[in-house]
Structure formats: C-alpha cells, structure tokens
Amino acid sequence: INVSNSWNTSYGHEIWVLSRDLRYI
C-alpha cells in the first residue's frame, strides 16, 4: 500500500472479499 499525503502510515486498511452475487461480505 502507498499512502500519498500523510505522515501517519499506521492506518489499518482492508481488502473486502464479497460473495460472487455481491449479497454479503
């Protein structure tokens, strides 16, 4: 991950995988 404009790089970001029909995470 690249964070463009912040000195704080400790944010916890997420990749969400959805169901094939997009009905739920």
PDBML (XML) file of the C-alpha atoms, coordinates in Angstrom:
<?xml version="1.0" encoding="UTF-8" ?>
<PDBx:datablock datablockName="MODEL"
   xmlns:PDBx="http://pdbml.pdb.org/schema/pdbx-v50.xsd"
   xmlns:xsi="http://www.w3.org/2001/XMLSchema-instance"
   xsi:schemaLocation="http://pdbml.pdb.org/schema/pdbx-v50.xsd pdbx-v50.xsd">
   <PDBx:atom_siteCategory>
      <PDBx:atom_site id="1">
         <PDBx:B_iso_or_equiv>0.00</PDBx:B_iso_or_equiv>
         <PDBx:Cartn_x>0.000</PDBx:Cartn_x>
         <PDBx:Cartn_y>0.000</PDBx:Cartn_y>
         <PDBx:Cartn_z>0.000</PDBx:Cartn_z>
         <PDBx:auth_asym_id>A</PDBx:auth_asym_id>
         <PDBx:auth_atom_id>CA</PDBx:auth_atom_id>
         <PDBx:auth_comp_id>ILE</PDBx:auth_comp_id>
         <PDBx:auth_seq_id>1</PDBx:auth_seq_id>
         <PDBx:group_PDB>ATOM</PDBx:group_PDB>
         <PDBx:label_alt_id xsi:nil="true" />
         <PDBx:label_asym_id>A</PDBx:label_asym_id>
         <PDBx:label_atom_id>CA</PDBx:label_atom_id>
         <PDBx:label_comp_id>ILE</PDBx:label_comp_id>
         <PDBx:label_entity_id>1</PDBx:label_entity_id>
         <PDBx:label_seq_id>1</PDBx:label_seq_id>
         <PDBx:occupancy>1.00</PDBx:occupancy>
         <PDBx:pdbx_PDB_model_num>1</PDBx:pdbx_PDB_model_num>
         <PDBx:type_symbol>C</PDBx:type_symbol>
      </PDBx:atom_site>
      <PDBx:atom_site id="2">
         <PDBx:B_iso_or_equiv>0.00</PDBx:B_iso_or_equiv>
         <PDBx:Cartn_x>1.106</PDBx:Cartn_x>
         <PDBx:Cartn_y>3.562</PDBx:Cartn_y>
         <PDBx:Cartn_z>-0.704</PDBx:Cartn_z>
         <PDBx:auth_asym_id>A</PDBx:auth_asym_id>
         <PDBx:auth_atom_id>CA</PDBx:auth_atom_id>
         <PDBx:auth_comp_id>ASN</PDBx:auth_comp_id>
         <PDBx:auth_seq_id>2</PDBx:auth_seq_id>
         <PDBx:group_PDB>ATOM</PDBx:group_PDB>
         <PDBx:label_alt_id xsi:nil="true" />
         <PDBx:label_asym_id>A</PDBx:label_asym_id>
         <PDBx:label_atom_id>CA</PDBx:label_atom_id>
         <PDBx:label_comp_id>ASN</PDBx:label_comp_id>
         <PDBx:label_entity_id>1</PDBx:label_entity_id>
         <PDBx:label_seq_id>2</PDBx:label_seq_id>
         <PDBx:occupancy>1.00</PDBx:occupancy>
         <PDBx:pdbx_PDB_model_num>1</PDBx:pdbx_PDB_model_num>
         <PDBx:type_symbol>C</PDBx:type_symbol>
      </PDBx:atom_site>
      <PDBx:atom_site id="3">
         <PDBx:B_iso_or_equiv>0.00</PDBx:B_iso_or_equiv>
         <PDBx:Cartn_x>-0.310</PDBx:Cartn_x>
         <PDBx:Cartn_y>6.440</PDBx:Cartn_y>
         <PDBx:Cartn_z>1.334</PDBx:Cartn_z>
         <PDBx:auth_asym_id>A</PDBx:auth_asym_id>
         <PDBx:auth_atom_id>CA</PDBx:auth_atom_id>
         <PDBx:auth_comp_id>VAL</PDBx:auth_comp_id>
         <PDBx:auth_seq_id>3</PDBx:auth_seq_id>
         <PDBx:group_PDB>ATOM</PDBx:group_PDB>
         <PDBx:label_alt_id xsi:nil="true" />
         <PDBx:label_asym_id>A</PDBx:label_asym_id>
         <PDBx:label_atom_id>CA</PDBx:label_atom_id>
         <PDBx:label_comp_id>VAL</PDBx:label_comp_id>
         <PDBx:label_entity_id>1</PDBx:label_entity_id>
         <PDBx:label_seq_id>3</PDBx:label_seq_id>
         <PDBx:occupancy>1.00</PDBx:occupancy>
         <PDBx:pdbx_PDB_model_num>1</PDBx:pdbx_PDB_model_num>
         <PDBx:type_symbol>C</PDBx:type_symbol>
      </PDBx:atom_site>
      <PDBx:atom_site id="4">
         <PDBx:B_iso_or_equiv>0.00</PDBx:B_iso_or_equiv>
         <PDBx:Cartn_x>0.143</PDBx:Cartn_x>
         <PDBx:Cartn_y>9.658</PDBx:Cartn_y>
         <PDBx:Cartn_z>-0.620</PDBx:Cartn_z>
         <PDBx:auth_asym_id>A</PDBx:auth_asym_id>
         <PDBx:auth_atom_id>CA</PDBx:auth_atom_id>
         <PDBx:auth_comp_id>SER</PDBx:auth_comp_id>
         <PDBx:auth_seq_id>4</PDBx:auth_seq_id>
         <PDBx:group_PDB>ATOM</PDBx:group_PDB>
         <PDBx:label_alt_id xsi:nil="true" />
         <PDBx:label_asym_id>A</PDBx:label_asym_id>
         <PDBx:label_atom_id>CA</PDBx:label_atom_id>
         <PDBx:label_comp_id>SER</PDBx:label_comp_id>
         <PDBx:label_entity_id>1</PDBx:label_entity_id>
         <PDBx:label_seq_id>4</PDBx:label_seq_id>
         <PDBx:occupancy>1.00</PDBx:occupancy>
         <PDBx:pdbx_PDB_model_num>1</PDBx:pdbx_PDB_model_num>
         <PDBx:type_symbol>C</PDBx:type_symbol>
      </PDBx:atom_site>
      <PDBx:atom_site id="5">
         <PDBx:B_iso_or_equiv>0.00</PDBx:B_iso_or_equiv>
         <PDBx:Cartn_x>-0.276</PDBx:Cartn_x>
         <PDBx:Cartn_y>12.584</PDBx:Cartn_y>
         <PDBx:Cartn_z>1.760</PDBx:Cartn_z>
         <PDBx:auth_asym_id>A</PDBx:auth_asym_id>
         <PDBx:auth_atom_id>CA</PDBx:auth_atom_id>
         <PDBx:auth_comp_id>ASN</PDBx:auth_comp_id>
         <PDBx:auth_seq_id>5</PDBx:auth_seq_id>
         <PDBx:group_PDB>ATOM</PDBx:group_PDB>
         <PDBx:label_alt_id xsi:nil="true" />
         <PDBx:label_asym_id>A</PDBx:label_asym_id>
         <PDBx:label_atom_id>CA</PDBx:label_atom_id>
         <PDBx:label_comp_id>ASN</PDBx:label_comp_id>
         <PDBx:label_entity_id>1</PDBx:label_entity_id>
         <PDBx:label_seq_id>5</PDBx:label_seq_id>
         <PDBx:occupancy>1.00</PDBx:occupancy>
         <PDBx:pdbx_PDB_model_num>1</PDBx:pdbx_PDB_model_num>
         <PDBx:type_symbol>C</PDBx:type_symbol>
      </PDBx:atom_site>
      <PDBx:atom_site id="6">
         <PDBx:B_iso_or_equiv>0.00</PDBx:B_iso_or_equiv>
         <PDBx:Cartn_x>0.087</PDBx:Cartn_x>
         <PDBx:Cartn_y>11.614</PDBx:Cartn_y>
         <PDBx:Cartn_z>5.365</PDBx:Cartn_z>
         <PDBx:auth_asym_id>A</PDBx:auth_asym_id>
         <PDBx:auth_atom_id>CA</PDBx:auth_atom_id>
         <PDBx:auth_comp_id>SER</PDBx:auth_comp_id>
         <PDBx:auth_seq_id>6</PDBx:auth_seq_id>
         <PDBx:group_PDB>ATOM</PDBx:group_PDB>
         <PDBx:label_alt_id xsi:nil="true" />
         <PDBx:label_asym_id>A</PDBx:label_asym_id>
         <PDBx:label_atom_id>CA</PDBx:label_atom_id>
         <PDBx:label_comp_id>SER</PDBx:label_comp_id>
         <PDBx:label_entity_id>1</PDBx:label_entity_id>
         <PDBx:label_seq_id>6</PDBx:label_seq_id>
         <PDBx:occupancy>1.00</PDBx:occupancy>
         <PDBx:pdbx_PDB_model_num>1</PDBx:pdbx_PDB_model_num>
         <PDBx:type_symbol>C</PDBx:type_symbol>
      </PDBx:atom_site>
      <PDBx:atom_site id="7">
         <PDBx:B_iso_or_equiv>0.00</PDBx:B_iso_or_equiv>
         <PDBx:Cartn_x>2.837</PDBx:Cartn_x>
         <PDBx:Cartn_y>11.208</PDBx:Cartn_y>
         <PDBx:Cartn_z>7.896</PDBx:Cartn_z>
         <PDBx:auth_asym_id>A</PDBx:auth_asym_id>
         <PDBx:auth_atom_id>CA</PDBx:auth_atom_id>
         <PDBx:auth_comp_id>TRP</PDBx:auth_comp_id>
         <PDBx:auth_seq_id>7</PDBx:auth_seq_id>
         <PDBx:group_PDB>ATOM</PDBx:group_PDB>
         <PDBx:label_alt_id xsi:nil="true" />
         <PDBx:label_asym_id>A</PDBx:label_asym_id>
         <PDBx:label_atom_id>CA</PDBx:label_atom_id>
         <PDBx:label_comp_id>TRP</PDBx:label_comp_id>
         <PDBx:label_entity_id>1</PDBx:label_entity_id>
         <PDBx:label_seq_id>7</PDBx:label_seq_id>
         <PDBx:occupancy>1.00</PDBx:occupancy>
         <PDBx:pdbx_PDB_model_num>1</PDBx:pdbx_PDB_model_num>
         <PDBx:type_symbol>C</PDBx:type_symbol>
      </PDBx:atom_site>
      <PDBx:atom_site id="8">
         <PDBx:B_iso_or_equiv>0.00</PDBx:B_iso_or_equiv>
         <PDBx:Cartn_x>0.708</PDBx:Cartn_x>
         <PDBx:Cartn_y>8.582</PDBx:Cartn_y>
         <PDBx:Cartn_z>9.604</PDBx:Cartn_z>
         <PDBx:auth_asym_id>A</PDBx:auth_asym_id>
         <PDBx:auth_atom_id>CA</PDBx:auth_atom_id>
         <PDBx:auth_comp_id>ASN</PDBx:auth_comp_id>
         <PDBx:auth_seq_id>8</PDBx:auth_seq_id>
         <PDBx:group_PDB>ATOM</PDBx:group_PDB>
         <PDBx:label_alt_id xsi:nil="true" />
         <PDBx:label_asym_id>A</PDBx:label_asym_id>
         <PDBx:label_atom_id>CA</PDBx:label_atom_id>
         <PDBx:label_comp_id>ASN</PDBx:label_comp_id>
         <PDBx:label_entity_id>1</PDBx:label_entity_id>
         <PDBx:label_seq_id>8</PDBx:label_seq_id>
         <PDBx:occupancy>1.00</PDBx:occupancy>
         <PDBx:pdbx_PDB_model_num>1</PDBx:pdbx_PDB_model_num>
         <PDBx:type_symbol>C</PDBx:type_symbol>
      </PDBx:atom_site>
      <PDBx:atom_site id="9">
         <PDBx:B_iso_or_equiv>0.00</PDBx:B_iso_or_equiv>
         <PDBx:Cartn_x>1.205</PDBx:Cartn_x>
         <PDBx:Cartn_y>5.211</PDBx:Cartn_y>
         <PDBx:Cartn_z>7.883</PDBx:Cartn_z>
         <PDBx:auth_asym_id>A</PDBx:auth_asym_id>
         <PDBx:auth_atom_id>CA</PDBx:auth_atom_id>
         <PDBx:auth_comp_id>THR</PDBx:auth_comp_id>
         <PDBx:auth_seq_id>9</PDBx:auth_seq_id>
         <PDBx:group_PDB>ATOM</PDBx:group_PDB>
         <PDBx:label_alt_id xsi:nil="true" />
         <PDBx:label_asym_id>A</PDBx:label_asym_id>
         <PDBx:label_atom_id>CA</PDBx:label_atom_id>
         <PDBx:label_comp_id>THR</PDBx:label_comp_id>
         <PDBx:label_entity_id>1</PDBx:label_entity_id>
         <PDBx:label_seq_id>9</PDBx:label_seq_id>
         <PDBx:occupancy>1.00</PDBx:occupancy>
         <PDBx:pdbx_PDB_model_num>1</PDBx:pdbx_PDB_model_num>
         <PDBx:type_symbol>C</PDBx:type_symbol>
      </PDBx:atom_site>
      <PDBx:atom_site id="10">
         <PDBx:B_iso_or_equiv>0.00</PDBx:B_iso_or_equiv>
         <PDBx:Cartn_x>-0.212</PDBx:Cartn_x>
         <PDBx:Cartn_y>3.098</PDBx:Cartn_y>
         <PDBx:Cartn_z>10.676</PDBx:Cartn_z>
         <PDBx:auth_asym_id>A</PDBx:auth_asym_id>
         <PDBx:auth_atom_id>CA</PDBx:auth_atom_id>
         <PDBx:auth_comp_id>SER</PDBx:auth_comp_id>
         <PDBx:auth_seq_id>10</PDBx:auth_seq_id>
         <PDBx:group_PDB>ATOM</PDBx:group_PDB>
         <PDBx:label_alt_id xsi:nil="true" />
         <PDBx:label_asym_id>A</PDBx:label_asym_id>
         <PDBx:label_atom_id>CA</PDBx:label_atom_id>
         <PDBx:label_comp_id>SER</PDBx:label_comp_id>
         <PDBx:label_entity_id>1</PDBx:label_entity_id>
         <PDBx:label_seq_id>10</PDBx:label_seq_id>
         <PDBx:occupancy>1.00</PDBx:occupancy>
         <PDBx:pdbx_PDB_model_num>1</PDBx:pdbx_PDB_model_num>
         <PDBx:type_symbol>C</PDBx:type_symbol>
      </PDBx:atom_site>
      <PDBx:atom_site id="11">
         <PDBx:B_iso_or_equiv>0.00</PDBx:B_iso_or_equiv>
         <PDBx:Cartn_x>-3.816</PDBx:Cartn_x>
         <PDBx:Cartn_y>3.146</PDBx:Cartn_y>
         <PDBx:Cartn_z>9.446</PDBx:Cartn_z>
         <PDBx:auth_asym_id>A</PDBx:auth_asym_id>
         <PDBx:auth_atom_id>CA</PDBx:auth_atom_id>
         <PDBx:auth_comp_id>TYR</PDBx:auth_comp_id>
         <PDBx:auth_seq_id>11</PDBx:auth_seq_id>
         <PDBx:group_PDB>ATOM</PDBx:group_PDB>
         <PDBx:label_alt_id xsi:nil="true" />
         <PDBx:label_asym_id>A</PDBx:label_asym_id>
         <PDBx:label_atom_id>CA</PDBx:label_atom_id>
         <PDBx:label_comp_id>TYR</PDBx:label_comp_id>
         <PDBx:label_entity_id>1</PDBx:label_entity_id>
         <PDBx:label_seq_id>11</PDBx:label_seq_id>
         <PDBx:occupancy>1.00</PDBx:occupancy>
         <PDBx:pdbx_PDB_model_num>1</PDBx:pdbx_PDB_model_num>
         <PDBx:type_symbol>C</PDBx:type_symbol>
      </PDBx:atom_site>
      <PDBx:atom_site id="12">
         <PDBx:B_iso_or_equiv>0.00</PDBx:B_iso_or_equiv>
         <PDBx:Cartn_x>-5.248</PDBx:Cartn_x>
         <PDBx:Cartn_y>-0.339</PDBx:Cartn_y>
         <PDBx:Cartn_z>9.223</PDBx:Cartn_z>
         <PDBx:auth_asym_id>A</PDBx:auth_asym_id>
         <PDBx:auth_atom_id>CA</PDBx:auth_atom_id>
         <PDBx:auth_comp_id>GLY</PDBx:auth_comp_id>
         <PDBx:auth_seq_id>12</PDBx:auth_seq_id>
         <PDBx:group_PDB>ATOM</PDBx:group_PDB>
         <PDBx:label_alt_id xsi:nil="true" />
         <PDBx:label_asym_id>A</PDBx:label_asym_id>
         <PDBx:label_atom_id>CA</PDBx:label_atom_id>
         <PDBx:label_comp_id>GLY</PDBx:label_comp_id>
         <PDBx:label_entity_id>1</PDBx:label_entity_id>
         <PDBx:label_seq_id>12</PDBx:label_seq_id>
         <PDBx:occupancy>1.00</PDBx:occupancy>
         <PDBx:pdbx_PDB_model_num>1</PDBx:pdbx_PDB_model_num>
         <PDBx:type_symbol>C</PDBx:type_symbol>
      </PDBx:atom_site>
      <PDBx:atom_site id="13">
         <PDBx:B_iso_or_equiv>0.00</PDBx:B_iso_or_equiv>
         <PDBx:Cartn_x>-6.889</PDBx:Cartn_x>
         <PDBx:Cartn_y>-0.618</PDBx:Cartn_y>
         <PDBx:Cartn_z>5.809</PDBx:Cartn_z>
         <PDBx:auth_asym_id>A</PDBx:auth_asym_id>
         <PDBx:auth_atom_id>CA</PDBx:auth_atom_id>
         <PDBx:auth_comp_id>HIS</PDBx:auth_comp_id>
         <PDBx:auth_seq_id>13</PDBx:auth_seq_id>
         <PDBx:group_PDB>ATOM</PDBx:group_PDB>
         <PDBx:label_alt_id xsi:nil="true" />
         <PDBx:label_asym_id>A</PDBx:label_asym_id>
         <PDBx:label_atom_id>CA</PDBx:label_atom_id>
         <PDBx:label_comp_id>HIS</PDBx:label_comp_id>
         <PDBx:label_entity_id>1</PDBx:label_entity_id>
         <PDBx:label_seq_id>13</PDBx:label_seq_id>
         <PDBx:occupancy>1.00</PDBx:occupancy>
         <PDBx:pdbx_PDB_model_num>1</PDBx:pdbx_PDB_model_num>
         <PDBx:type_symbol>C</PDBx:type_symbol>
      </PDBx:atom_site>
      <PDBx:atom_site id="14">
         <PDBx:B_iso_or_equiv>0.00</PDBx:B_iso_or_equiv>
         <PDBx:Cartn_x>-8.858</PDBx:Cartn_x>
         <PDBx:Cartn_y>-3.564</PDBx:Cartn_y>
         <PDBx:Cartn_z>4.493</PDBx:Cartn_z>
         <PDBx:auth_asym_id>A</PDBx:auth_asym_id>
         <PDBx:auth_atom_id>CA</PDBx:auth_atom_id>
         <PDBx:auth_comp_id>GLU</PDBx:auth_comp_id>
         <PDBx:auth_seq_id>14</PDBx:auth_seq_id>
         <PDBx:group_PDB>ATOM</PDBx:group_PDB>
         <PDBx:label_alt_id xsi:nil="true" />
         <PDBx:label_asym_id>A</PDBx:label_asym_id>
         <PDBx:label_atom_id>CA</PDBx:label_atom_id>
         <PDBx:label_comp_id>GLU</PDBx:label_comp_id>
         <PDBx:label_entity_id>1</PDBx:label_entity_id>
         <PDBx:label_seq_id>14</PDBx:label_seq_id>
         <PDBx:occupancy>1.00</PDBx:occupancy>
         <PDBx:pdbx_PDB_model_num>1</PDBx:pdbx_PDB_model_num>
         <PDBx:type_symbol>C</PDBx:type_symbol>
      </PDBx:atom_site>
      <PDBx:atom_site id="15">
         <PDBx:B_iso_or_equiv>0.00</PDBx:B_iso_or_equiv>
         <PDBx:Cartn_x>-9.463</PDBx:Cartn_x>
         <PDBx:Cartn_y>-5.644</PDBx:Cartn_y>
         <PDBx:Cartn_z>1.384</PDBx:Cartn_z>
         <PDBx:auth_asym_id>A</PDBx:auth_asym_id>
         <PDBx:auth_atom_id>CA</PDBx:auth_atom_id>
         <PDBx:auth_comp_id>ILE</PDBx:auth_comp_id>
         <PDBx:auth_seq_id>15</PDBx:auth_seq_id>
         <PDBx:group_PDB>ATOM</PDBx:group_PDB>
         <PDBx:label_alt_id xsi:nil="true" />
         <PDBx:label_asym_id>A</PDBx:label_asym_id>
         <PDBx:label_atom_id>CA</PDBx:label_atom_id>
         <PDBx:label_comp_id>ILE</PDBx:label_comp_id>
         <PDBx:label_entity_id>1</PDBx:label_entity_id>
         <PDBx:label_seq_id>15</PDBx:label_seq_id>
         <PDBx:occupancy>1.00</PDBx:occupancy>
         <PDBx:pdbx_PDB_model_num>1</PDBx:pdbx_PDB_model_num>
         <PDBx:type_symbol>C</PDBx:type_symbol>
      </PDBx:atom_site>
      <PDBx:atom_site id="16">
         <PDBx:B_iso_or_equiv>0.00</PDBx:B_iso_or_equiv>
         <PDBx:Cartn_x>-13.032</PDBx:Cartn_x>
         <PDBx:Cartn_y>-6.937</PDBx:Cartn_y>
         <PDBx:Cartn_z>1.467</PDBx:Cartn_z>
         <PDBx:auth_asym_id>A</PDBx:auth_asym_id>
         <PDBx:auth_atom_id>CA</PDBx:auth_atom_id>
         <PDBx:auth_comp_id>TRP</PDBx:auth_comp_id>
         <PDBx:auth_seq_id>16</PDBx:auth_seq_id>
         <PDBx:group_PDB>ATOM</PDBx:group_PDB>
         <PDBx:label_alt_id xsi:nil="true" />
         <PDBx:label_asym_id>A</PDBx:label_asym_id>
         <PDBx:label_atom_id>CA</PDBx:label_atom_id>
         <PDBx:label_comp_id>TRP</PDBx:label_comp_id>
         <PDBx:label_entity_id>1</PDBx:label_entity_id>
         <PDBx:label_seq_id>16</PDBx:label_seq_id>
         <PDBx:occupancy>1.00</PDBx:occupancy>
         <PDBx:pdbx_PDB_model_num>1</PDBx:pdbx_PDB_model_num>
         <PDBx:type_symbol>C</PDBx:type_symbol>
      </PDBx:atom_site>
      <PDBx:atom_site id="17">
         <PDBx:B_iso_or_equiv>0.00</PDBx:B_iso_or_equiv>
         <PDBx:Cartn_x>-13.882</PDBx:Cartn_x>
         <PDBx:Cartn_y>-10.112</PDBx:Cartn_y>
         <PDBx:Cartn_z>-0.452</PDBx:Cartn_z>
         <PDBx:auth_asym_id>A</PDBx:auth_asym_id>
         <PDBx:auth_atom_id>CA</PDBx:auth_atom_id>
         <PDBx:auth_comp_id>VAL</PDBx:auth_comp_id>
         <PDBx:auth_seq_id>17</PDBx:auth_seq_id>
         <PDBx:group_PDB>ATOM</PDBx:group_PDB>
         <PDBx:label_alt_id xsi:nil="true" />
         <PDBx:label_asym_id>A</PDBx:label_asym_id>
         <PDBx:label_atom_id>CA</PDBx:label_atom_id>
         <PDBx:label_comp_id>VAL</PDBx:label_comp_id>
         <PDBx:label_entity_id>1</PDBx:label_entity_id>
         <PDBx:label_seq_id>17</PDBx:label_seq_id>
         <PDBx:occupancy>1.00</PDBx:occupancy>
         <PDBx:pdbx_PDB_model_num>1</PDBx:pdbx_PDB_model_num>
         <PDBx:type_symbol>C</PDBx:type_symbol>
      </PDBx:atom_site>
      <PDBx:atom_site id="18">
         <PDBx:B_iso_or_equiv>0.00</PDBx:B_iso_or_equiv>
         <PDBx:Cartn_x>-17.544</PDBx:Cartn_x>
         <PDBx:Cartn_y>-10.183</PDBx:Cartn_y>
         <PDBx:Cartn_z>-1.473</PDBx:Cartn_z>
         <PDBx:auth_asym_id>A</PDBx:auth_asym_id>
         <PDBx:auth_atom_id>CA</PDBx:auth_atom_id>
         <PDBx:auth_comp_id>LEU</PDBx:auth_comp_id>
         <PDBx:auth_seq_id>18</PDBx:auth_seq_id>
         <PDBx:group_PDB>ATOM</PDBx:group_PDB>
         <PDBx:label_alt_id xsi:nil="true" />
         <PDBx:label_asym_id>A</PDBx:label_asym_id>
         <PDBx:label_atom_id>CA</PDBx:label_atom_id>
         <PDBx:label_comp_id>LEU</PDBx:label_comp_id>
         <PDBx:label_entity_id>1</PDBx:label_entity_id>
         <PDBx:label_seq_id>18</PDBx:label_seq_id>
         <PDBx:occupancy>1.00</PDBx:occupancy>
         <PDBx:pdbx_PDB_model_num>1</PDBx:pdbx_PDB_model_num>
         <PDBx:type_symbol>C</PDBx:type_symbol>
      </PDBx:atom_site>
      <PDBx:atom_site id="19">
         <PDBx:B_iso_or_equiv>0.00</PDBx:B_iso_or_equiv>
         <PDBx:Cartn_x>-19.726</PDBx:Cartn_x>
         <PDBx:Cartn_y>-13.110</PDBx:Cartn_y>
         <PDBx:Cartn_z>-2.380</PDBx:Cartn_z>
         <PDBx:auth_asym_id>A</PDBx:auth_asym_id>
         <PDBx:auth_atom_id>CA</PDBx:auth_atom_id>
         <PDBx:auth_comp_id>SER</PDBx:auth_comp_id>
         <PDBx:auth_seq_id>19</PDBx:auth_seq_id>
         <PDBx:group_PDB>ATOM</PDBx:group_PDB>
         <PDBx:label_alt_id xsi:nil="true" />
         <PDBx:label_asym_id>A</PDBx:label_asym_id>
         <PDBx:label_atom_id>CA</PDBx:label_atom_id>
         <PDBx:label_comp_id>SER</PDBx:label_comp_id>
         <PDBx:label_entity_id>1</PDBx:label_entity_id>
         <PDBx:label_seq_id>19</PDBx:label_seq_id>
         <PDBx:occupancy>1.00</PDBx:occupancy>
         <PDBx:pdbx_PDB_model_num>1</PDBx:pdbx_PDB_model_num>
         <PDBx:type_symbol>C</PDBx:type_symbol>
      </PDBx:atom_site>
      <PDBx:atom_site id="20">
         <PDBx:B_iso_or_equiv>0.00</PDBx:B_iso_or_equiv>
         <PDBx:Cartn_x>-19.991</PDBx:Cartn_x>
         <PDBx:Cartn_y>-13.814</PDBx:Cartn_y>
         <PDBx:Cartn_z>-6.098</PDBx:Cartn_z>
         <PDBx:auth_asym_id>A</PDBx:auth_asym_id>
         <PDBx:auth_atom_id>CA</PDBx:auth_atom_id>
         <PDBx:auth_comp_id>ARG</PDBx:auth_comp_id>
         <PDBx:auth_seq_id>20</PDBx:auth_seq_id>
         <PDBx:group_PDB>ATOM</PDBx:group_PDB>
         <PDBx:label_alt_id xsi:nil="true" />
         <PDBx:label_asym_id>A</PDBx:label_asym_id>
         <PDBx:label_atom_id>CA</PDBx:label_atom_id>
         <PDBx:label_comp_id>ARG</PDBx:label_comp_id>
         <PDBx:label_entity_id>1</PDBx:label_entity_id>
         <PDBx:label_seq_id>20</PDBx:label_seq_id>
         <PDBx:occupancy>1.00</PDBx:occupancy>
         <PDBx:pdbx_PDB_model_num>1</PDBx:pdbx_PDB_model_num>
         <PDBx:type_symbol>C</PDBx:type_symbol>
      </PDBx:atom_site>
      <PDBx:atom_site id="21">
         <PDBx:B_iso_or_equiv>0.00</PDBx:B_iso_or_equiv>
         <PDBx:Cartn_x>-23.525</PDBx:Cartn_x>
         <PDBx:Cartn_y>-12.400</PDBx:Cartn_y>
         <PDBx:Cartn_z>-6.128</PDBx:Cartn_z>
         <PDBx:auth_asym_id>A</PDBx:auth_asym_id>
         <PDBx:auth_atom_id>CA</PDBx:auth_atom_id>
         <PDBx:auth_comp_id>ASP</PDBx:auth_comp_id>
         <PDBx:auth_seq_id>21</PDBx:auth_seq_id>
         <PDBx:group_PDB>ATOM</PDBx:group_PDB>
         <PDBx:label_alt_id xsi:nil="true" />
         <PDBx:label_asym_id>A</PDBx:label_asym_id>
         <PDBx:label_atom_id>CA</PDBx:label_atom_id>
         <PDBx:label_comp_id>ASP</PDBx:label_comp_id>
         <PDBx:label_entity_id>1</PDBx:label_entity_id>
         <PDBx:label_seq_id>21</PDBx:label_seq_id>
         <PDBx:occupancy>1.00</PDBx:occupancy>
         <PDBx:pdbx_PDB_model_num>1</PDBx:pdbx_PDB_model_num>
         <PDBx:type_symbol>C</PDBx:type_symbol>
      </PDBx:atom_site>
      <PDBx:atom_site id="22">
         <PDBx:B_iso_or_equiv>0.00</PDBx:B_iso_or_equiv>
         <PDBx:Cartn_x>-22.431</PDBx:Cartn_x>
         <PDBx:Cartn_y>-9.321</PDBx:Cartn_y>
         <PDBx:Cartn_z>-4.090</PDBx:Cartn_z>
         <PDBx:auth_asym_id>A</PDBx:auth_asym_id>
         <PDBx:auth_atom_id>CA</PDBx:auth_atom_id>
         <PDBx:auth_comp_id>LEU</PDBx:auth_comp_id>
         <PDBx:auth_seq_id>22</PDBx:auth_seq_id>
         <PDBx:group_PDB>ATOM</PDBx:group_PDB>
         <PDBx:label_alt_id xsi:nil="true" />
         <PDBx:label_asym_id>A</PDBx:label_asym_id>
         <PDBx:label_atom_id>CA</PDBx:label_atom_id>
         <PDBx:label_comp_id>LEU</PDBx:label_comp_id>
         <PDBx:label_entity_id>1</PDBx:label_entity_id>
         <PDBx:label_seq_id>22</PDBx:label_seq_id>
         <PDBx:occupancy>1.00</PDBx:occupancy>
         <PDBx:pdbx_PDB_model_num>1</PDBx:pdbx_PDB_model_num>
         <PDBx:type_symbol>C</PDBx:type_symbol>
      </PDBx:atom_site>
      <PDBx:atom_site id="23">
         <PDBx:B_iso_or_equiv>0.00</PDBx:B_iso_or_equiv>
         <PDBx:Cartn_x>-25.010</PDBx:Cartn_x>
         <PDBx:Cartn_y>-10.149</PDBx:Cartn_y>
         <PDBx:Cartn_z>-1.407</PDBx:Cartn_z>
         <PDBx:auth_asym_id>A</PDBx:auth_asym_id>
         <PDBx:auth_atom_id>CA</PDBx:auth_atom_id>
         <PDBx:auth_comp_id>ARG</PDBx:auth_comp_id>
         <PDBx:auth_seq_id>23</PDBx:auth_seq_id>
         <PDBx:group_PDB>ATOM</PDBx:group_PDB>
         <PDBx:label_alt_id xsi:nil="true" />
         <PDBx:label_asym_id>A</PDBx:label_asym_id>
         <PDBx:label_atom_id>CA</PDBx:label_atom_id>
         <PDBx:label_comp_id>ARG</PDBx:label_comp_id>
         <PDBx:label_entity_id>1</PDBx:label_entity_id>
         <PDBx:label_seq_id>23</PDBx:label_seq_id>
         <PDBx:occupancy>1.00</PDBx:occupancy>
         <PDBx:pdbx_PDB_model_num>1</PDBx:pdbx_PDB_model_num>
         <PDBx:type_symbol>C</PDBx:type_symbol>
      </PDBx:atom_site>
      <PDBx:atom_site id="24">
         <PDBx:B_iso_or_equiv>0.00</PDBx:B_iso_or_equiv>
         <PDBx:Cartn_x>-22.649</PDBx:Cartn_x>
         <PDBx:Cartn_y>-10.175</PDBx:Cartn_y>
         <PDBx:Cartn_z>1.545</PDBx:Cartn_z>
         <PDBx:auth_asym_id>A</PDBx:auth_asym_id>
         <PDBx:auth_atom_id>CA</PDBx:auth_atom_id>
         <PDBx:auth_comp_id>TYR</PDBx:auth_comp_id>
         <PDBx:auth_seq_id>24</PDBx:auth_seq_id>
         <PDBx:group_PDB>ATOM</PDBx:group_PDB>
         <PDBx:label_alt_id xsi:nil="true" />
         <PDBx:label_asym_id>A</PDBx:label_asym_id>
         <PDBx:label_atom_id>CA</PDBx:label_atom_id>
         <PDBx:label_comp_id>TYR</PDBx:label_comp_id>
         <PDBx:label_entity_id>1</PDBx:label_entity_id>
         <PDBx:label_seq_id>24</PDBx:label_seq_id>
         <PDBx:occupancy>1.00</PDBx:occupancy>
         <PDBx:pdbx_PDB_model_num>1</PDBx:pdbx_PDB_model_num>
         <PDBx:type_symbol>C</PDBx:type_symbol>
      </PDBx:atom_site>
      <PDBx:atom_site id="25">
         <PDBx:B_iso_or_equiv>0.00</PDBx:B_iso_or_equiv>
         <PDBx:Cartn_x>-19.033</PDBx:Cartn_x>
         <PDBx:Cartn_y>-9.665</PDBx:Cartn_y>
         <PDBx:Cartn_z>2.689</PDBx:Cartn_z>
         <PDBx:auth_asym_id>A</PDBx:auth_asym_id>
         <PDBx:auth_atom_id>CA</PDBx:auth_atom_id>
         <PDBx:auth_comp_id>ILE</PDBx:auth_comp_id>
         <PDBx:auth_seq_id>25</PDBx:auth_seq_id>
         <PDBx:group_PDB>ATOM</PDBx:group_PDB>
         <PDBx:label_alt_id xsi:nil="true" />
         <PDBx:label_asym_id>A</PDBx:label_asym_id>
         <PDBx:label_atom_id>CA</PDBx:label_atom_id>
         <PDBx:label_comp_id>ILE</PDBx:label_comp_id>
         <PDBx:label_entity_id>1</PDBx:label_entity_id>
         <PDBx:label_seq_id>25</PDBx:label_seq_id>
         <PDBx:occupancy>1.00</PDBx:occupancy>
         <PDBx:pdbx_PDB_model_num>1</PDBx:pdbx_PDB_model_num>
         <PDBx:type_symbol>C</PDBx:type_symbol>
      </PDBx:atom_site>
   </PDBx:atom_siteCategory>
</PDBx:datablock>
